Amino acid sequence: MARTESCGQFEQLVLTAVLTLDDNAYGVTIHRKVEELSAPKSVTLGAIYVTLDRLEDKGFLSSWLTEPTAERGGRAKRCYKIESAGQTALKDAMQTARRMLTELAVGKRSKAWA
């Protein structure tokens, strides 16, 4: 079986944000969604853009520029969408989290979990 590249916890948050925002996934909205998901931790916009670039380099996301708009002062937005490799990485991470949760809930191996 071919090994897929994994993603870290923050990358998982960003992928989740892009996936749930669908056609409205661009820097500011992604930042808001990630802050919502990671509350009470705060997240900088710079961390979002660095992570978006890294996920695009990994082939997990793709991006494109919209047409410039007057309400943005003639600037375009960079929009993002999740690619199949990103969906696979996110599904793999979810399966791992489920196995850990099951082990902790059923096995009760961790006193800190109780």
Protein backbone atom coordinates (compact mmCIF):
# COMPACT_ATOMS: atom_id res chain seq x y z
CA MET A 1 0.00 0.00 0.00
CA ALA A 2 1.32 3.46 -0.90
CA ARG A 3 2.13 5.64 2.05
CA THR A 4 0.26 8.92 2.12
CA GLU A 5 1.72 12.01 3.70
CA SER A 6 0.21 12.74 7.10
CA CYS A 7 -0.76 16.06 8.56
CA GLY A 8 -0.41 17.55 12.00
CA GLN A 9 -3.16 18.72 14.31
CA PHE A 10 -3.12 22.34 13.14
CA GLU A 11 -3.11 21.22 9.51
CA GLN A 12 -6.15 19.06 10.33
CA LEU A 13 -7.94 22.13 11.68
CA VAL A 14 -7.17 24.10 8.52
CA LEU A 15 -8.28 21.22 6.25
CA THR A 16 -11.50 20.90 8.25
CA ALA A 17 -12.13 24.63 7.89
CA VAL A 18 -11.58 24.56 4.13
CA LEU A 19 -13.81 21.51 3.76
CA THR A 20 -16.68 22.97 5.79
CA LEU A 21 -16.47 26.45 4.24
CA ASP A 22 -16.74 24.98 0.73
CA ASP A 23 -17.00 27.85 -1.82
CA ASN A 24 -16.39 30.48 0.87
CA ALA A 25 -12.91 29.24 1.87
CA TYR A 26 -10.41 32.09 1.73
CA GLY A 27 -7.89 33.43 4.23
CA VAL A 28 -10.14 35.46 6.53
CA THR A 29 -13.00 32.95 6.66
CA ILE A 30 -10.58 30.06 7.17
CA HIS A 31 -8.96 32.00 10.02
CA ARG A 32 -12.35 32.56 11.69
CA LYS A 33 -13.32 28.90 11.38
CA VAL A 34 -9.97 27.65 12.72
CA GLU A 35 -10.25 30.03 15.70
CA GLU A 36 -13.73 28.64 16.34
CA LEU A 37 -12.47 25.06 16.16
CA SER A 38 -9.40 25.68 18.31
CA ALA A 39 -11.07 27.84 20.99
CA PRO A 40 -10.01 28.99 23.49
CA LYS A 41 -6.61 29.12 21.76
CA SER A 42 -6.09 32.09 19.48
CA VAL A 43 -4.56 31.70 16.03
CA THR A 44 -2.74 34.32 13.98
CA LEU A 45 -3.67 35.00 10.38
CA GLY A 46 0.00 34.51 9.48
CA ALA A 47 -0.09 30.94 10.85
CA ILE A 48 -3.10 30.25 8.64
CA TYR A 49 -1.36 31.48 5.48
CA VAL A 50 1.85 29.55 6.22
CA THR A 51 -0.19 26.39 6.79
CA LEU A 52 -2.29 26.94 3.65
CA ASP A 53 0.94 27.23 1.61
CA ARG A 54 2.35 24.06 3.19
CA LEU A 55 -0.87 22.12 2.56
CA GLU A 56 -0.88 23.29 -1.05
CA ASP A 57 2.76 22.19 -1.43
CA LYS A 58 1.76 18.75 -0.10
CA GLY A 59 -1.03 18.56 -2.70
CA PHE A 60 -3.76 18.57 -0.02
CA LEU A 61 -5.25 21.88 -1.23
CA SER A 62 -5.46 23.88 -4.40
CA SER A 63 -6.06 27.61 -4.72
CA TRP A 64 -7.05 30.20 -7.26
CA LEU A 65 -7.57 33.96 -7.39
CA THR A 66 -11.04 35.46 -7.83
CA GLU A 67 -11.73 38.50 -9.95
CA PRO A 68 -10.84 41.78 -8.21
CA THR A 69 -13.82 43.46 -6.56
CA ALA A 70 -14.59 47.07 -5.67
CA GLU A 71 -15.49 46.15 -2.08
CA ARG A 72 -11.96 44.77 -1.66
CA GLY A 73 -10.37 47.91 -3.11
CA GLY A 74 -9.77 46.25 -6.47
CA ARG A 75 -8.04 43.23 -4.93
CA ALA A 76 -8.75 39.57 -5.61
CA LYS A 77 -9.27 36.84 -3.01
CA ARG A 78 -7.28 33.60 -2.94
CA CYS A 79 -9.80 30.79 -2.51
CA TYR A 80 -8.99 27.22 -1.48
CA LYS A 81 -10.46 23.79 -2.00
CA ILE A 82 -9.49 20.46 -0.54
CA GLU A 83 -8.07 17.87 -2.94
CA SER A 84 -8.48 14.09 -2.71
CA ALA A 85 -5.07 13.73 -1.02
CA GLY A 86 -6.21 16.21 1.63
CA GLN A 87 -9.47 14.35 2.14
CA THR A 88 -7.53 11.10 2.53
CA ALA A 89 -5.13 12.64 5.06
CA LEU A 90 -8.05 14.06 7.05
CA LYS A 91 -9.93 10.73 7.01
CA ASP A 92 -6.77 8.91 8.16
CA ALA A 93 -6.37 11.38 11.03
CA MET A 94 -10.02 10.93 12.03
CA GLN A 95 -9.66 7.14 12.04
CA THR A 96 -6.58 7.39 14.26
CA ALA A 97 -8.41 9.74 16.66
CA ARG A 98 -11.37 7.33 16.82
CA ARG A 99 -9.07 4.40 17.65
CA MET A 100 -7.41 6.41 20.42
CA LEU A 101 -10.77 7.52 21.81
CA THR A 102 -12.06 3.94 21.76
CA GLU A 103 -8.95 2.67 23.50
CA LEU A 104 -9.19 5.31 26.19
CA ALA A 105 -12.94 4.87 26.71
CA VAL A 106 -13.05 1.07 26.60
CA GLY A 107 -9.60 0.23 27.90
CA LYS A 108 -9.64 2.94 30.57
CA ARG A 109 -5.87 2.78 30.50
CA SER A 110 -5.36 6.40 31.40
CA LYS A 111 -6.20 7.78 34.85
CA ALA A 112 -5.87 11.27 33.38
CA TRP A 113 -8.72 10.49 30.99
CA ALA A 114 -11.24 9.82 33.76
